[in-house]
Amino acid sequence: MSKESFIYQLAPAAQADMREFGIVASVTIAQAILESGWGRSALGNNLFGIKGSGQQQITQEFINGEWIQIVDGFRVYDSWCDSVRDHSLLLIHNPRYANVIHERDYRCASQELQRAGYATDSQYADKLIRIIEGSELTFFDQI
């Protein structure tokens, strides 16, 4: 699947969730790109690396200043659409992400995700911003 196809496959779900929950679509799409390697590493249709009692996977986490490999459980979804929806529900139902909800500036939303501890990568926000700008994802933030 091409990068463009991946983006256009996710965009409708990301835009619908932006309208319903206030999570900027470009950030949702960028997270899916970063977390799943453009869909290539979306085992169980889990685009966002959301942990849970699904399938066991090997992953890397940045802990105490170094990358380590761990095995953990990850949620499983019937579709990528379901994965996008669950990601949105995770953000809106967890108070630590309150500053992400309804933040219209993708840079601020990315930084708030990192500040809230969404990922262990200390460069997480910068990576999201580069993906958004490099793939012109702000196009999908138009309502």
N, C-alpha and C. Protein backbone atom coordinates (compact mmCIF):
# COMPACT_ATOMS: atom_id res chain seq x y z
N MET A 1 0.84 -1.18 0.00
CA MET A 1 0.00 0.00 0.00
C MET A 1 0.89 1.25 0.00
N SER A 2 0.55 2.20 -0.82
CA SER A 2 1.33 3.43 -0.88
C SER A 2 1.04 4.29 0.36
N LYS A 3 1.94 5.21 0.63
CA LYS A 3 1.74 6.12 1.76
C LYS A 3 0.47 6.95 1.56
N GLU A 4 0.25 7.39 0.35
CA GLU A 4 -0.94 8.19 0.05
C GLU A 4 -2.22 7.37 0.29
N SER A 5 -2.22 6.12 -0.12
CA SER A 5 -3.38 5.24 0.10
C SER A 5 -3.63 5.04 1.59
N PHE A 6 -2.56 4.85 2.34
CA PHE A 6 -2.70 4.67 3.79
C PHE A 6 -3.37 5.91 4.40
N ILE A 7 -2.88 7.07 4.05
CA ILE A 7 -3.44 8.32 4.58
C ILE A 7 -4.91 8.45 4.21
N TYR A 8 -5.24 8.24 2.95
CA TYR A 8 -6.62 8.40 2.51
C TYR A 8 -7.56 7.33 3.05
N GLN A 9 -7.01 6.20 3.44
CA GLN A 9 -7.83 5.17 4.07
C GLN A 9 -8.19 5.56 5.51
N LEU A 10 -7.28 6.24 6.20
CA LEU A 10 -7.51 6.64 7.59
C LEU A 10 -8.22 7.98 7.74
N ALA A 11 -8.06 8.85 6.78
CA ALA A 11 -8.56 10.22 6.90
C ALA A 11 -10.04 10.32 7.28
N PRO A 12 -10.95 9.59 6.64
CA PRO A 12 -12.37 9.74 7.02
C PRO A 12 -12.64 9.43 8.49
N ALA A 13 -12.04 8.38 9.03
CA ALA A 13 -12.24 8.05 10.44
C ALA A 13 -11.63 9.11 11.34
N ALA A 14 -10.44 9.59 10.98
CA ALA A 14 -9.78 10.63 11.78
C ALA A 14 -10.58 11.93 11.76
N GLN A 15 -11.13 12.28 10.60
CA GLN A 15 -11.94 13.50 10.51
C GLN A 15 -13.26 13.35 11.27
N ALA A 16 -13.88 12.19 11.20
CA ALA A 16 -15.12 11.96 11.94
C ALA A 16 -14.87 12.09 13.44
N ASP A 17 -13.77 11.54 13.91
CA ASP A 17 -13.46 11.63 15.34
C ASP A 17 -13.07 13.05 15.73
N MET A 18 -12.47 13.80 14.81
CA MET A 18 -12.15 15.20 15.09
C MET A 18 -13.45 15.97 15.31
N ARG A 19 -14.44 15.73 14.47
CA ARG A 19 -15.72 16.42 14.62
C ARG A 19 -16.43 16.00 15.91
N GLU A 20 -16.37 14.73 16.22
CA GLU A 20 -17.09 14.22 17.39
C GLU A 20 -16.37 14.48 18.71
N PHE A 21 -15.05 14.31 18.73
CA PHE A 21 -14.31 14.35 19.99
C PHE A 21 -13.34 15.52 20.12
N GLY A 22 -13.02 16.20 19.02
CA GLY A 22 -12.11 17.33 19.10
C GLY A 22 -10.63 16.97 19.05
N ILE A 23 -10.31 15.80 18.51
CA ILE A 23 -8.91 15.40 18.38
C ILE A 23 -8.48 15.68 16.94
N VAL A 24 -7.54 16.58 16.78
CA VAL A 24 -7.16 17.05 15.45
C VAL A 24 -6.74 15.87 14.56
N ALA A 25 -7.33 15.80 13.38
CA ALA A 25 -7.16 14.67 12.47
C ALA A 25 -5.71 14.45 12.06
N SER A 26 -4.98 15.51 11.81
CA SER A 26 -3.59 15.36 11.37
C SER A 26 -2.75 14.63 12.42
N VAL A 27 -3.03 14.88 13.69
CA VAL A 27 -2.28 14.23 14.76
C VAL A 27 -2.66 12.74 14.83
N THR A 28 -3.94 12.45 14.71
CA THR A 28 -4.37 11.05 14.72
C THR A 28 -3.71 10.28 13.59
N ILE A 29 -3.72 10.85 12.39
CA ILE A 29 -3.11 10.18 11.23
C ILE A 29 -1.61 10.03 11.43
N ALA A 30 -0.95 11.09 11.92
CA ALA A 30 0.50 11.02 12.15
C ALA A 30 0.85 9.96 13.19
N GLN A 31 0.04 9.86 14.24
CA GLN A 31 0.29 8.82 15.24
C GLN A 31 0.16 7.43 14.62
N ALA A 32 -0.85 7.24 13.80
CA ALA A 32 -1.03 5.94 13.13
C ALA A 32 0.17 5.62 12.24
N ILE A 33 0.66 6.62 11.53
CA ILE A 33 1.83 6.44 10.67
C ILE A 33 3.05 6.05 11.49
N LEU A 34 3.30 6.82 12.54
CA LEU A 34 4.49 6.59 13.38
C LEU A 34 4.41 5.27 14.12
N GLU A 35 3.27 5.01 14.74
CA GLU A 35 3.13 3.82 15.59
C GLU A 35 3.07 2.51 14.78
N SER A 36 2.57 2.58 13.56
CA SER A 36 2.39 1.35 12.78
C SER A 36 3.33 1.24 11.59
N GLY A 37 4.20 2.22 11.39
CA GLY A 37 5.08 2.16 10.21
C GLY A 37 4.29 2.14 8.92
N TRP A 38 3.36 3.10 8.80
CA TRP A 38 2.51 3.20 7.63
C TRP A 38 1.64 1.95 7.45
N GLY A 39 1.23 1.34 8.58
CA GLY A 39 0.35 0.19 8.53
C GLY A 39 1.05 -1.15 8.43
N ARG A 40 2.35 -1.13 8.19
CA ARG A 40 3.09 -2.38 8.02
C ARG A 40 3.23 -3.16 9.33
N SER A 41 3.19 -2.46 10.46
CA SER A 41 3.36 -3.10 11.77
C SER A 41 2.10 -3.00 12.60
N ALA A 42 0.96 -3.09 11.96
CA ALA A 42 -0.33 -2.96 12.65
C ALA A 42 -0.92 -4.35 12.90
N LEU A 43 -0.20 -5.15 13.67
CA LEU A 43 -0.71 -6.48 13.99
C LEU A 43 -2.03 -6.35 14.74
N GLY A 44 -2.99 -7.17 14.39
CA GLY A 44 -4.30 -7.09 15.00
C GLY A 44 -5.00 -5.78 14.69
N ASN A 45 -4.63 -5.14 13.57
CA ASN A 45 -5.19 -3.85 13.15
C ASN A 45 -4.97 -2.75 14.20
N ASN A 46 -3.99 -2.92 15.08
CA ASN A 46 -3.69 -1.95 16.13
C ASN A 46 -2.72 -0.91 15.57
N LEU A 47 -3.26 0.21 15.13
CA LEU A 47 -2.44 1.25 14.50
C LEU A 47 -1.67 2.10 15.49
N PHE A 48 -2.06 2.10 16.75
CA PHE A 48 -1.51 3.06 17.71
C PHE A 48 -0.68 2.44 18.82
N GLY A 49 -0.46 1.15 18.75
CA GLY A 49 0.32 0.49 19.79
C GLY A 49 -0.36 0.53 21.14
N ILE A 50 -1.69 0.48 21.14
CA ILE A 50 -2.43 0.53 22.40
C ILE A 50 -2.32 -0.84 23.07
N LYS A 51 -1.82 -0.81 24.30
CA LYS A 51 -1.62 -2.04 25.04
C LYS A 51 -2.93 -2.56 25.61
N GLY A 52 -2.97 -3.84 25.84
CA GLY A 52 -4.15 -4.46 26.41
C GLY A 52 -3.99 -5.97 26.43
N SER A 53 -5.07 -6.63 26.68
CA SER A 53 -5.01 -8.09 26.80
C SER A 53 -5.37 -8.74 25.46
N GLY A 54 -4.63 -8.42 24.46
CA GLY A 54 -4.83 -9.02 23.14
C GLY A 54 -3.68 -9.95 22.83
N GLN A 55 -3.01 -9.67 21.77
CA GLN A 55 -1.89 -10.52 21.37
C GLN A 55 -0.57 -10.00 21.96
N GLN A 56 0.34 -10.90 22.21
CA GLN A 56 1.67 -10.56 22.72
C GLN A 56 2.55 -10.15 21.55
N GLN A 57 3.29 -9.05 21.75
CA GLN A 57 4.20 -8.56 20.71
C GLN A 57 5.49 -8.08 21.33
N ILE A 58 6.53 -8.10 20.54
CA ILE A 58 7.81 -7.52 20.95
C ILE A 58 7.76 -6.05 20.55
N THR A 59 8.16 -5.18 21.46
CA THR A 59 8.18 -3.76 21.18
C THR A 59 9.39 -3.14 21.85
N GLN A 60 9.67 -1.89 21.51
CA GLN A 60 10.76 -1.16 22.14
C GLN A 60 10.19 -0.01 22.94
N GLU A 61 10.77 0.23 24.10
CA GLU A 61 10.38 1.34 24.95
C GLU A 61 11.64 2.08 25.38
N PHE A 62 11.50 3.38 25.53
CA PHE A 62 12.62 4.22 25.97
C PHE A 62 12.50 4.38 27.48
N ILE A 63 13.36 3.66 28.20
CA ILE A 63 13.29 3.64 29.66
C ILE A 63 14.66 3.94 30.24
N ASN A 64 14.67 4.87 31.20
CA ASN A 64 15.93 5.27 31.87
C ASN A 64 17.02 5.65 30.86
N GLY A 65 16.62 6.38 29.82
CA GLY A 65 17.57 6.90 28.86
C GLY A 65 18.06 5.95 27.80
N GLU A 66 17.45 4.76 27.71
CA GLU A 66 17.89 3.83 26.66
C GLU A 66 16.71 3.03 26.12
N TRP A 67 16.85 2.59 24.88
CA TRP A 67 15.83 1.76 24.25
C TRP A 67 16.00 0.32 24.70
N ILE A 68 14.91 -0.27 25.17
CA ILE A 68 14.95 -1.68 25.55
C ILE A 68 13.82 -2.42 24.85
N GLN A 69 14.02 -3.70 24.65
CA GLN A 69 13.02 -4.52 23.99
C GLN A 69 12.21 -5.25 25.06
N ILE A 70 10.87 -5.19 24.93
CA ILE A 70 9.99 -5.87 25.88
C ILE A 70 8.93 -6.65 25.11
N VAL A 71 8.28 -7.56 25.79
CA VAL A 71 7.12 -8.27 25.25
C VAL A 71 5.93 -7.82 26.07
N ASP A 72 4.87 -7.42 25.40
CA ASP A 72 3.69 -6.93 26.09
C ASP A 72 2.44 -7.29 25.30
N GLY A 73 1.29 -7.17 25.93
CA GLY A 73 0.02 -7.43 25.27
C GLY A 73 -0.51 -6.18 24.58
N PHE A 74 -1.11 -6.36 23.42
CA PHE A 74 -1.66 -5.25 22.66
C PHE A 74 -3.09 -5.58 22.23
N ARG A 75 -3.93 -4.56 22.19
CA ARG A 75 -5.31 -4.74 21.78
C ARG A 75 -5.41 -5.20 20.33
N VAL A 76 -6.50 -5.86 20.01
CA VAL A 76 -6.77 -6.36 18.66
C VAL A 76 -8.10 -5.77 18.20
N TYR A 77 -8.16 -5.36 16.93
CA TYR A 77 -9.35 -4.72 16.36
C TYR A 77 -9.80 -5.43 15.09
N ASP A 78 -11.07 -5.30 14.77
CA ASP A 78 -11.61 -5.87 13.54
C ASP A 78 -11.17 -5.09 12.32
N SER A 79 -10.89 -3.78 12.51
CA SER A 79 -10.53 -2.92 11.37
C SER A 79 -9.69 -1.75 11.85
N TRP A 80 -9.09 -1.06 10.89
CA TRP A 80 -8.34 0.16 11.22
C TRP A 80 -9.29 1.23 11.73
N CYS A 81 -10.49 1.26 11.21
CA CYS A 81 -11.50 2.23 11.68
C CYS A 81 -11.76 2.02 13.17
N ASP A 82 -11.89 0.77 13.58
CA ASP A 82 -12.11 0.47 15.00
C ASP A 82 -10.91 0.90 15.84
N SER A 83 -9.72 0.76 15.29
CA SER A 83 -8.51 1.18 15.99
C SER A 83 -8.49 2.70 16.19
N VAL A 84 -8.86 3.45 15.15
CA VAL A 84 -8.92 4.91 15.25
C VAL A 84 -9.94 5.31 16.31
N ARG A 85 -11.10 4.68 16.31
CA ARG A 85 -12.15 5.01 17.28
C ARG A 85 -11.69 4.72 18.71
N ASP A 86 -11.06 3.58 18.92
CA ASP A 86 -10.60 3.24 20.27
C ASP A 86 -9.51 4.20 20.74
N HIS A 87 -8.66 4.62 19.83
CA HIS A 87 -7.62 5.60 20.15
C HIS A 87 -8.27 6.90 20.64
N SER A 88 -9.29 7.34 19.93
CA SER A 88 -10.00 8.57 20.33
C SER A 88 -10.65 8.39 21.70
N LEU A 89 -11.28 7.25 21.91
CA LEU A 89 -11.94 7.00 23.19
C LEU A 89 -10.92 6.95 24.33
N LEU A 90 -9.76 6.37 24.06
CA LEU A 90 -8.69 6.34 25.06
C LEU A 90 -8.31 7.76 25.46
N LEU A 91 -8.15 8.63 24.48
CA LEU A 91 -7.74 10.01 24.78
C LEU A 91 -8.82 10.78 25.52
N ILE A 92 -10.06 10.66 25.09
CA ILE A 92 -11.11 11.48 25.73
C ILE A 92 -11.50 10.98 27.11
N HIS A 93 -11.28 9.70 27.38
CA HIS A 93 -11.67 9.16 28.69
C HIS A 93 -10.54 9.17 29.72
N ASN A 94 -9.35 9.57 29.32
CA ASN A 94 -8.24 9.62 30.24
C ASN A 94 -7.90 11.09 30.53
N PRO A 95 -8.10 11.55 31.76
CA PRO A 95 -7.90 12.97 32.09
C PRO A 95 -6.51 13.51 31.79
N ARG A 96 -5.51 12.64 31.73
CA ARG A 96 -4.16 13.16 31.46
C ARG A 96 -4.03 13.71 30.04
N TYR A 97 -4.97 13.36 29.15
CA TYR A 97 -4.94 13.87 27.78
C TYR A 97 -5.88 15.05 27.57
N ALA A 98 -6.38 15.64 28.63
CA ALA A 98 -7.36 16.73 28.53
C ALA A 98 -6.84 17.89 27.67
N ASN A 99 -5.55 18.17 27.71
CA ASN A 99 -5.00 19.29 26.93
C ASN A 99 -4.86 18.98 25.45
N VAL A 100 -5.07 17.72 25.09
CA VAL A 100 -5.02 17.33 23.67
C VAL A 100 -6.38 17.56 23.03
N ILE A 101 -7.44 17.29 23.78
CA ILE A 101 -8.81 17.40 23.29
C ILE A 101 -9.12 18.87 22.98
N HIS A 102 -9.64 19.11 21.81
CA HIS A 102 -10.03 20.45 21.32
C HIS A 102 -8.85 21.39 21.07
N GLU A 103 -7.63 20.87 21.11
CA GLU A 103 -6.46 21.68 20.74
C GLU A 103 -6.38 21.68 19.22
N ARG A 104 -6.57 22.82 18.60
CA ARG A 104 -6.62 22.92 17.13
C ARG A 104 -5.24 23.03 16.49
N ASP A 105 -4.22 23.38 17.25
CA ASP A 105 -2.86 23.51 16.73
C ASP A 105 -2.16 22.15 16.84
N TYR A 106 -1.82 21.56 15.70
CA TYR A 106 -1.22 20.23 15.70
C TYR A 106 0.09 20.18 16.45
N ARG A 107 0.85 21.29 16.44
CA ARG A 107 2.12 21.31 17.18
C ARG A 107 1.85 21.19 18.68
N CYS A 108 0.92 22.00 19.17
CA CYS A 108 0.58 21.96 20.60
C CYS A 108 -0.01 20.61 20.98
N ALA A 109 -0.89 20.07 20.15
CA ALA A 109 -1.50 18.77 20.45
C ALA A 109 -0.43 17.68 20.52
N SER A 110 0.53 17.73 19.61
CA SER A 110 1.62 16.74 19.61
C SER A 110 2.45 16.85 20.88
N GLN A 111 2.76 18.08 21.26
CA GLN A 111 3.55 18.29 22.48
C GLN A 111 2.78 17.87 23.72
N GLU A 112 1.48 18.11 23.73
CA GLU A 112 0.66 17.70 24.88
C GLU A 112 0.57 16.18 24.98
N LEU A 113 0.52 15.48 23.86
CA LEU A 113 0.54 14.01 23.88
C LEU A 113 1.83 13.51 24.53
N GLN A 114 2.94 14.10 24.13
CA GLN A 114 4.22 13.69 24.70
C GLN A 114 4.27 14.04 26.19
N ARG A 115 3.86 15.24 26.53
CA ARG A 115 3.89 15.68 27.93
C ARG A 115 3.02 14.78 28.81
N ALA A 116 1.91 14.29 28.25
CA ALA A 116 1.00 13.43 29.01
C ALA A 116 1.50 11.99 29.11
N GLY A 117 2.58 11.68 28.40
CA GLY A 117 3.17 10.36 28.50
C GLY A 117 2.60 9.32 27.55
N TYR A 118 2.06 9.76 26.41
CA TYR A 118 1.50 8.79 25.47
C TYR A 118 2.54 7.77 25.04
N ALA A 119 3.76 8.23 24.81
CA ALA A 119 4.85 7.35 24.37
C ALA A 119 6.08 7.62 25.22
N THR A 120 6.97 6.64 25.27
CA THR A 120 8.19 6.81 26.05
C THR A 120 9.29 7.53 25.27
N ASP A 121 9.13 7.69 23.99
CA ASP A 121 10.13 8.32 23.12
C ASP A 121 10.18 9.82 23.42
N SER A 122 11.35 10.31 23.82
CA SER A 122 11.50 11.73 24.17
C SER A 122 11.40 12.64 22.94
N GLN A 123 11.42 12.08 21.75
CA GLN A 123 11.31 12.85 20.51
C GLN A 123 9.94 12.66 19.85
N TYR A 124 8.99 12.11 20.58
CA TYR A 124 7.69 11.75 20.02
C TYR A 124 6.99 12.93 19.34
N ALA A 125 6.88 14.05 20.03
CA ALA A 125 6.19 15.21 19.46
C ALA A 125 6.89 15.70 18.20
N ASP A 126 8.21 15.79 18.24
CA ASP A 126 8.96 16.23 17.06
C ASP A 126 8.73 15.32 15.87
N LYS A 127 8.68 14.02 16.12
CA LYS A 127 8.44 13.06 15.04
C LYS A 127 7.04 13.24 14.45
N LEU A 128 6.05 13.43 15.31
CA LEU A 128 4.68 13.66 14.81
C LEU A 128 4.62 14.92 13.96
N ILE A 129 5.24 15.98 14.44
CA ILE A 129 5.22 17.26 13.72
C ILE A 129 5.89 17.12 12.35
N ARG A 130 7.01 16.41 12.31
CA ARG A 130 7.70 16.19 11.02
C ARG A 130 6.82 15.40 10.05
N ILE A 131 6.13 14.39 10.56
CA ILE A 131 5.24 13.60 9.70
C ILE A 131 4.10 14.47 9.20
N ILE A 132 3.49 15.23 10.07
CA ILE A 132 2.37 16.10 9.68
C ILE A 132 2.79 17.08 8.61
N GLU A 133 3.91 17.74 8.82
CA GLU A 133 4.38 18.74 7.87
C GLU A 133 4.89 18.10 6.58
N GLY A 134 5.59 16.99 6.69
CA GLY A 134 6.15 16.32 5.52
C GLY A 134 5.10 15.68 4.63
N SER A 135 3.98 15.29 5.22
CA SER A 135 2.90 14.66 4.44
C SER A 135 1.70 15.58 4.25
N GLU A 136 1.85 16.83 4.64
CA GLU A 136 0.80 17.84 4.49
C GLU A 136 -0.54 17.36 5.07
N LEU A 137 -0.48 16.81 6.27
CA LEU A 137 -1.67 16.24 6.90
C LEU A 137 -2.64 17.29 7.42
N THR A 138 -2.20 18.54 7.53
CA THR A 138 -3.12 19.59 8.01
C THR A 138 -4.30 19.78 7.05
N PHE A 139 -4.15 19.30 5.84
CA PHE A 139 -5.26 19.33 4.87
C PHE A 139 -6.50 18.68 5.47
N PHE A 140 -6.31 17.64 6.28
CA PHE A 140 -7.42 16.88 6.85
C PHE A 140 -8.01 17.52 8.11
N ASP A 141 -7.41 18.61 8.54
CA ASP A 141 -7.92 19.32 9.74
C ASP A 141 -9.01 20.31 9.40
N GLN A 142 -9.29 20.48 8.12
CA GLN A 142 -10.34 21.38 7.68
C GLN A 142 -11.69 20.74 7.94
N ILE A 143 -12.59 21.46 8.57
CA ILE A 143 -13.93 20.91 8.82
C ILE A 143 -14.90 21.45 7.79
